[in-house]
Amino acid sequence: MSEKRGTLRKVAEGHEDHGADESFRLLVDSVRDYAIFMLDPTGHVMTWNLGAERTKGYTADEIIGRHFSTFYLPEDASTGICDAELADAQKYGRMETEGWRVRRDGSRFWAAVVITALYDDDGNLRGFAKVTRDITERRIVTESLLEHERLLAETQRLARLGSWEWDIDSDRVTWSDEMFRIFGIDLDGFVPTYEAYLERLDPDDRIVVEELVRRCVESGDPYVFDHRVTRPDGEVRWVQARGRAVRDGRRHIVRLQGSALDVTDQRHAADAREQVAAMALRQRHALEVNDDIIQGLAVADLALNLEDYDKARESIAETLLAARRFVTDLLGDGGEVIHISPGDLRRRSYGTGS
């Protein structure tokens, strides 16, 4: 079996100092943000850590020996999902899923779950390493963002568009009331003109608009262009301008007609989505690496339970190497390699100033 499937090697007899192994076991037991525990081949809980107790509400005495279906909604457990997850972990070596889980007090939380099948050198299934993380807050944020996008789409459907018309021969421009609102101008005392419109645009946008309008007047090319508008109070809004040519019976272009849609909220939402997506990408990368590290700890912990100290040390070494590479990637700039030695980075303790 491959190492990816959690192969365990027999420990050499006469192993000496187990102090470091015990420290490592204590480290795994003290992890608070992840429920890390092991199941026997039939899905019954074998070990329990502080994170599992914090996440699920059970003490070790209450849960060890019980089937892990205890953590599932009754209606889900009755579908055979637990057996299916263990079967997938055996088939593929590792399976990941998300879903509702139940705490001891009956409350629900949305969980990200990773189950890894563990085998010995003879290919015999020894159990499963299971890591569970409460990601309820992340789910709430995601649902809130989706709801925001739904409301924004509804708002766009109901939004009124400003309309305008320019009679080229008379140079007469007509605006609808909505055009005045978009530009922040009172209807009384203002006569809309093409020049007055251009004056309210950002200088860079003005050049583009003039070129688009020129082409539309000369050749009838329609246009769509997002530009900035500065209102009298100094507020800058984003407007999506559309224009098309109107021809007379002789196919001469005599008028331009178009619309203006205030897309400021859409622009801000798009910027916010990009920021959220960038942050989510960084967080996802960090969580994936963190999950791999936690998986390494879980494998090592199982090896310790089986007294396979060589395998435990090997897993610890690989986990530390992965952690060092991850930190180096975070701190490196422009491909620069930063060498990190033990003690170079220290985690700050809240409230202690250390």
Protein backbone atom coordinates (compact mmCIF):
# COMPACT_ATOMS: atom_id res chain seq x y z
CA MET A 1 0.00 0.00 0.00
CA SER A 2 1.18 3.58 -0.65
CA GLU A 3 2.04 6.13 1.98
CA LYS A 4 -0.94 8.17 0.78
CA ARG A 5 -3.17 5.47 2.21
CA GLY A 6 -1.62 5.73 5.65
CA THR A 7 0.68 2.70 5.63
CA LEU A 8 2.05 1.79 9.06
CA ARG A 9 5.33 -0.01 9.61
CA LYS A 10 6.06 -2.33 12.49
CA VAL A 11 7.94 -0.69 15.31
CA ALA A 12 11.33 -2.12 16.20
CA GLU A 13 11.44 -3.84 19.53
CA GLY A 14 13.42 -2.35 22.35
CA HIS A 15 12.60 1.27 21.48
CA GLU A 16 14.13 3.54 24.07
CA ASP A 17 13.09 7.11 24.89
CA HIS A 18 9.44 7.92 24.25
CA GLY A 19 9.45 11.39 25.87
CA ALA A 20 9.26 13.29 22.58
CA ASP A 21 6.46 10.99 21.40
CA GLU A 22 4.47 11.72 24.51
CA SER A 23 4.97 15.47 23.97
CA PHE A 24 3.69 15.10 20.45
CA ARG A 25 0.67 13.17 21.65
CA LEU A 26 -0.05 16.00 24.10
CA LEU A 27 0.26 18.50 21.25
CA VAL A 28 -2.39 16.69 19.20
CA ASP A 29 -4.62 16.33 22.23
CA SER A 30 -4.41 20.09 22.90
CA VAL A 31 -5.49 21.27 19.43
CA ARG A 32 -8.68 23.26 20.01
CA ASP A 33 -9.88 24.32 16.57
CA TYR A 34 -9.98 20.86 14.98
CA ALA A 35 -11.70 17.72 16.14
CA ILE A 36 -9.01 15.06 15.59
CA PHE A 37 -9.86 11.50 16.45
CA MET A 38 -9.57 7.98 15.16
CA LEU A 39 -12.13 5.36 14.30
CA ASP A 40 -11.72 1.63 14.27
CA PRO A 41 -12.43 -0.21 10.99
CA THR A 42 -16.15 -0.37 11.86
CA GLY A 43 -16.45 3.37 12.55
CA HIS A 44 -16.33 3.43 16.35
CA VAL A 45 -14.43 6.22 18.11
CA MET A 46 -11.03 5.14 19.44
CA THR A 47 -9.38 8.43 20.46
CA TRP A 48 -10.56 11.95 21.30
CA ASN A 49 -8.80 15.31 21.57
CA LEU A 50 -9.60 18.68 23.15
CA GLY A 51 -10.70 20.10 19.81
CA ALA A 52 -13.19 17.26 19.39
CA GLU A 53 -14.59 17.89 22.85
CA ARG A 54 -14.84 21.63 22.15
CA THR A 55 -16.43 21.15 18.72
CA LYS A 56 -18.84 18.32 19.48
CA GLY A 57 -19.45 18.71 23.20
CA TYR A 58 -18.63 15.13 24.26
CA THR A 59 -15.95 14.18 26.74
CA ALA A 60 -13.68 11.26 25.91
CA ASP A 61 -15.44 9.07 28.48
CA GLU A 62 -18.81 9.81 26.89
CA ILE A 63 -17.90 9.16 23.26
CA ILE A 64 -15.08 6.62 23.00
CA GLY A 65 -16.54 3.32 21.84
CA ARG A 66 -19.62 4.88 20.21
CA HIS A 67 -20.21 4.89 16.46
CA PHE A 68 -19.41 8.12 14.64
CA SER A 69 -22.96 8.23 13.26
CA THR A 70 -23.71 9.85 16.63
CA PHE A 71 -22.52 13.13 15.10
CA TYR A 72 -24.92 13.04 12.15
CA LEU A 73 -28.50 14.20 11.83
CA PRO A 74 -30.79 11.19 12.34
CA GLU A 75 -32.33 11.63 8.91
CA ASP A 76 -28.86 11.65 7.34
CA ALA A 77 -27.52 8.73 9.33
CA SER A 78 -30.51 6.62 8.31
CA THR A 79 -29.50 6.91 4.65
CA GLY A 80 -26.29 4.93 5.21
CA ILE A 81 -24.07 7.97 4.64
CA CYS A 82 -21.61 6.91 7.35
CA ASP A 83 -20.89 3.54 5.77
CA ALA A 84 -20.61 5.24 2.37
CA GLU A 85 -18.02 7.72 3.67
CA LEU A 86 -15.88 4.97 5.17
CA ALA A 87 -16.18 2.98 1.96
CA ASP A 88 -15.02 6.00 -0.07
CA ALA A 89 -12.11 6.56 2.29
CA GLN A 90 -11.09 2.91 1.86
CA LYS A 91 -11.46 3.08 -1.91
CA TYR A 92 -9.66 6.37 -2.51
CA GLY A 93 -7.47 6.57 0.58
CA ARG A 94 -9.03 9.87 1.65
CA MET A 95 -12.43 11.52 1.34
CA GLU A 96 -13.60 15.06 2.03
CA THR A 97 -17.12 16.35 2.54
CA GLU A 98 -19.17 19.10 4.15
CA GLY A 99 -22.50 18.85 5.92
CA TRP A 100 -24.55 19.41 9.03
CA ARG A 101 -23.36 17.74 12.22
CA VAL A 102 -24.91 17.54 15.68
CA ARG A 103 -23.32 18.43 19.01
CA ARG A 104 -24.04 16.71 22.29
CA ASP A 105 -26.54 19.44 23.23
CA GLY A 106 -28.46 18.91 19.98
CA SER A 107 -27.28 22.10 18.28
CA ARG A 108 -26.14 21.91 14.67
CA PHE A 109 -23.00 23.17 12.98
CA TRP A 110 -21.73 23.06 9.40
CA ALA A 111 -18.64 20.86 9.26
CA ALA A 112 -15.77 20.30 6.87
CA VAL A 113 -14.72 16.69 7.27
CA VAL A 114 -11.67 14.73 6.12
CA ILE A 115 -11.48 10.96 6.63
CA THR A 116 -8.26 9.07 5.87
CA ALA A 117 -8.02 5.27 5.75
CA LEU A 118 -4.97 3.81 7.50
CA TYR A 119 -3.40 0.47 6.57
CA ASP A 120 -0.49 -1.58 7.82
CA ASP A 121 2.27 -2.92 5.57
CA ASP A 122 0.27 -6.06 4.88
CA GLY A 123 -2.62 -4.00 3.51
CA ASN A 124 -4.86 -4.58 6.50
CA LEU A 125 -7.19 -1.74 7.44
CA ARG A 126 -6.25 -0.48 10.91
CA GLY A 127 -8.77 2.33 11.17
CA PHE A 128 -9.50 5.86 10.04
CA ALA A 129 -8.12 9.26 10.96
CA LYS A 130 -10.95 11.80 11.06
CA VAL A 131 -10.56 15.57 11.16
CA THR A 132 -13.58 17.85 11.55
CA ARG A 133 -13.62 21.65 11.42
CA ASP A 134 -16.58 23.90 12.31
CA ILE A 135 -17.04 26.25 9.32
CA THR A 136 -20.51 27.53 10.21
CA GLU A 137 -19.39 31.17 10.14
CA ARG A 138 -17.89 30.74 6.67
CA ARG A 139 -21.15 29.24 5.45
CA ILE A 140 -23.14 32.15 6.89
CA VAL A 141 -20.86 34.64 5.12
CA THR A 142 -21.23 32.74 1.85
CA GLU A 143 -25.02 32.62 2.14
CA SER A 144 -25.09 36.33 3.00
CA LEU A 145 -23.04 37.13 -0.10
CA LEU A 146 -25.35 35.03 -2.27
CA GLU A 147 -28.39 36.77 -0.79
CA HIS A 148 -26.77 40.15 -1.44
CA GLU A 149 -26.20 39.20 -5.06
CA ARG A 150 -29.79 38.03 -5.39
CA LEU A 151 -31.13 41.31 -4.02
CA LEU A 152 -28.76 43.26 -6.25
CA ALA A 153 -30.02 41.37 -9.31
CA GLU A 154 -33.61 42.16 -8.28
CA THR A 155 -32.70 45.80 -7.83
CA GLN A 156 -31.17 45.93 -11.29
CA ARG A 157 -34.35 44.50 -12.77
CA LEU A 158 -36.49 47.13 -11.08
CA ALA A 159 -34.09 50.05 -11.64
CA ARG A 160 -35.25 52.90 -13.85
CA LEU A 161 -33.01 53.94 -16.73
CA GLY A 162 -32.33 57.49 -17.71
CA SER A 163 -32.97 58.17 -21.40
CA TRP A 164 -31.75 60.90 -23.69
CA GLU A 165 -31.97 62.08 -27.29
CA TRP A 166 -29.76 64.41 -29.30
CA ASP A 167 -31.09 66.08 -32.45
CA ILE A 168 -27.89 66.63 -34.41
CA ASP A 169 -29.12 69.37 -36.79
CA SER A 170 -30.63 71.57 -34.07
CA ASP A 171 -28.08 70.48 -31.43
CA ARG A 172 -30.98 69.99 -29.04
CA VAL A 173 -30.55 67.48 -26.21
CA THR A 174 -33.45 66.04 -24.23
CA TRP A 175 -33.07 64.24 -20.91
CA SER A 176 -35.60 62.20 -18.96
CA ASP A 177 -36.13 62.98 -15.28
CA GLU A 178 -34.06 59.95 -14.34
CA MET A 179 -31.06 61.40 -16.20
CA PHE A 180 -31.17 64.46 -13.95
CA ARG A 181 -31.27 62.25 -10.86
CA ILE A 182 -28.33 60.14 -12.01
CA PHE A 183 -26.23 63.24 -12.61
CA GLY A 184 -27.39 64.88 -9.38
CA ILE A 185 -28.80 67.92 -11.16
CA ASP A 186 -32.04 69.79 -10.40
CA LEU A 187 -34.49 69.92 -13.26
CA ASP A 188 -35.06 73.64 -12.78
CA GLY A 189 -32.53 76.02 -14.27
CA PHE A 190 -30.43 73.46 -16.19
CA VAL A 191 -30.52 73.01 -19.94
CA PRO A 192 -28.90 69.71 -20.97
CA THR A 193 -26.37 69.90 -23.77
CA TYR A 194 -23.74 67.55 -25.14
CA GLU A 195 -21.01 69.87 -23.85
CA ALA A 196 -22.58 70.02 -20.37
CA TYR A 197 -22.66 66.22 -20.35
CA LEU A 198 -18.95 66.00 -21.29
CA GLU A 199 -17.99 68.50 -18.58
CA ARG A 200 -19.24 66.11 -15.90
CA LEU A 201 -17.13 63.18 -17.05
CA ASP A 202 -13.71 62.15 -15.83
CA PRO A 203 -11.10 63.61 -18.26
CA ASP A 204 -9.87 60.16 -19.32
CA ASP A 205 -13.42 58.94 -19.91
CA ARG A 206 -14.28 62.11 -21.79
CA ILE A 207 -11.76 61.28 -24.51
CA VAL A 208 -13.23 57.82 -25.01
CA VAL A 209 -16.84 59.07 -25.04
CA GLU A 210 -16.04 61.75 -27.61
CA GLU A 211 -14.51 59.12 -29.90
CA LEU A 212 -17.46 56.72 -29.48
CA VAL A 213 -19.99 59.48 -30.17
CA ARG A 214 -18.02 60.64 -33.21
CA ARG A 215 -18.05 57.14 -34.69
CA CYS A 216 -21.76 56.79 -33.95
CA VAL A 217 -22.54 60.09 -35.70
CA GLU A 218 -20.33 59.34 -38.70
CA SER A 219 -20.95 55.64 -39.29
CA GLY A 220 -23.84 54.69 -37.01
CA ASP A 221 -21.78 52.37 -34.78
CA PRO A 222 -23.67 51.77 -31.51
CA TYR A 223 -21.72 51.90 -28.28
CA VAL A 224 -21.76 50.81 -24.68
CA PHE A 225 -19.28 52.33 -22.26
CA ASP A 226 -18.94 52.63 -18.48
CA HIS A 227 -17.66 56.00 -17.32
CA ARG A 228 -17.43 58.15 -14.23
CA VAL A 229 -19.68 61.12 -13.54
CA THR A 230 -18.88 63.83 -11.02
CA ARG A 231 -21.98 65.28 -9.41
CA PRO A 232 -22.19 68.93 -8.27
CA ASP A 233 -21.59 67.83 -4.65
CA GLY A 234 -18.34 66.11 -5.72
CA GLU A 235 -19.67 62.56 -5.49
CA VAL A 236 -18.37 60.28 -8.25
CA ARG A 237 -20.79 57.78 -9.76
CA TRP A 238 -20.33 55.08 -12.38
CA VAL A 239 -22.70 55.22 -15.35
CA GLN A 240 -23.17 52.74 -18.16
CA ALA A 241 -23.87 54.79 -21.27
CA ARG A 242 -25.51 53.35 -24.36
CA GLY A 243 -26.03 55.11 -27.65
CA ARG A 244 -27.34 54.35 -31.12
CA ALA A 245 -27.92 56.28 -34.33
CA VAL A 246 -31.36 57.05 -35.78
CA ARG A 247 -31.59 57.46 -39.56
CA ASP A 248 -34.20 59.23 -41.68
CA GLY A 249 -35.84 57.90 -44.83
CA ARG A 250 -32.72 58.67 -46.88
CA ARG A 251 -30.53 56.68 -44.42
CA HIS A 252 -28.95 59.84 -43.10
CA ILE A 253 -28.09 59.90 -39.39
CA VAL A 254 -30.21 62.64 -37.84
CA ARG A 255 -30.38 61.78 -34.16
CA LEU A 256 -28.66 59.83 -31.44
CA GLN A 257 -30.67 58.09 -28.75
CA GLY A 258 -29.47 56.30 -25.69
CA SER A 259 -29.71 55.52 -22.03
CA ALA A 260 -27.71 55.89 -18.84
CA LEU A 261 -27.75 53.36 -16.03
CA ASP A 262 -26.22 54.13 -12.65
CA VAL A 263 -23.97 51.08 -12.09
CA THR A 264 -22.08 52.42 -9.06
CA ASP A 265 -23.46 49.74 -6.73
CA GLN A 266 -22.64 47.01 -9.23
CA ARG A 267 -19.09 48.35 -9.53
CA HIS A 268 -18.65 48.38 -5.78
CA ALA A 269 -20.14 44.91 -5.50
CA ALA A 270 -17.80 43.63 -8.20
CA ASP A 271 -14.82 45.16 -6.39
CA ALA A 272 -16.03 43.63 -3.13
CA ARG A 273 -16.45 40.21 -4.76
CA GLU A 274 -12.92 40.42 -6.14
CA GLN A 275 -11.58 41.27 -2.70
CA VAL A 276 -13.61 38.49 -1.09
CA ALA A 277 -12.49 36.04 -3.78
CA ALA A 278 -8.84 37.02 -3.29
CA MET A 279 -9.17 36.68 0.48
CA ALA A 280 -11.03 33.37 0.11
CA LEU A 281 -8.28 32.07 -2.17
CA ARG A 282 -5.61 32.93 0.39
CA GLN A 283 -7.68 31.43 3.19
CA ARG A 284 -8.43 28.31 1.19
CA HIS A 285 -4.74 27.83 0.43
CA ALA A 286 -3.87 28.29 4.09
CA LEU A 287 -6.62 25.89 5.19
CA GLU A 288 -5.59 23.25 2.67
CA VAL A 289 -2.01 23.38 3.87
CA ASN A 290 -3.21 23.45 7.47
CA ASP A 291 -5.44 20.44 6.84
CA ASP A 292 -2.49 18.55 5.38
CA ILE A 293 -0.46 19.37 8.47
CA ILE A 294 -3.32 18.26 10.75
CA GLN A 295 -3.64 15.04 8.73
CA GLY A 296 0.06 14.43 9.27
CA LEU A 297 -0.43 14.91 13.00
CA ALA A 298 -3.38 12.52 12.97
CA VAL A 299 -1.39 9.83 11.15
CA ALA A 300 1.50 10.26 13.56
CA ASP A 301 -0.87 10.07 16.50
CA LEU A 302 -2.33 6.80 15.25
CA ALA A 303 1.19 5.45 14.76
CA LEU A 304 1.95 6.32 18.38
CA ASN A 305 -1.20 4.51 19.50
CA LEU A 306 0.06 1.49 17.59
CA GLU A 307 3.57 2.02 19.05
CA ASP A 308 4.99 2.52 15.58
CA TYR A 309 7.51 5.15 16.69
CA ASP A 310 9.52 5.11 13.49
CA LYS A 311 6.40 5.91 11.47
CA ALA A 312 5.40 8.59 13.98
CA ARG A 313 8.77 10.33 13.76
CA GLU A 314 8.73 10.10 9.98
CA SER A 315 5.26 11.67 9.84
CA ILE A 316 6.29 14.40 12.28
CA ALA A 317 9.36 15.21 10.20
CA GLU A 318 7.30 15.39 7.00
CA THR A 319 4.70 17.56 8.73
CA LEU A 320 7.33 19.98 10.06
CA LEU A 321 8.91 20.17 6.60
CA ALA A 322 5.54 20.99 5.04
CA ALA A 323 4.92 23.64 7.70
CA ARG A 324 8.33 25.21 7.13
CA ARG A 325 7.76 25.32 3.37
CA PHE A 326 4.36 26.92 3.90
CA VAL A 327 5.76 29.64 6.18
CA THR A 328 8.62 30.26 3.76
CA ASP A 329 6.15 30.65 0.89
CA LEU A 330 4.19 33.17 2.93
CA LEU A 331 7.25 35.23 3.85
CA GLY A 332 9.14 34.93 0.55
CA ASP A 333 8.99 37.93 -1.80
CA GLY A 334 9.68 37.71 -5.50
CA GLY A 335 11.13 34.24 -5.29
CA GLU A 336 13.48 35.12 -2.43
CA VAL A 337 14.15 32.17 -0.17
CA ILE A 338 13.96 32.89 3.54
CA HIS A 339 15.61 30.30 5.75
CA ILE A 340 13.73 29.66 8.96
CA SER A 341 15.20 27.87 11.89
CA PRO A 342 13.52 26.66 15.08
CA GLY A 343 12.81 29.61 17.33
CA ASP A 344 12.81 32.21 14.52
CA LEU A 345 9.01 32.46 14.63
CA ARG A 346 7.07 32.59 17.86
CA ARG A 347 3.32 32.67 18.21
CA ARG A 348 2.01 35.62 20.17
CA SER A 349 -0.12 34.74 23.18
CA TYR A 350 -3.19 36.89 23.55
CA GLY A 351 -3.33 39.01 26.65
CA THR A 352 0.25 38.21 27.66
CA GLY A 353 2.14 40.59 25.38
CA SER A 354 4.60 37.81 24.59
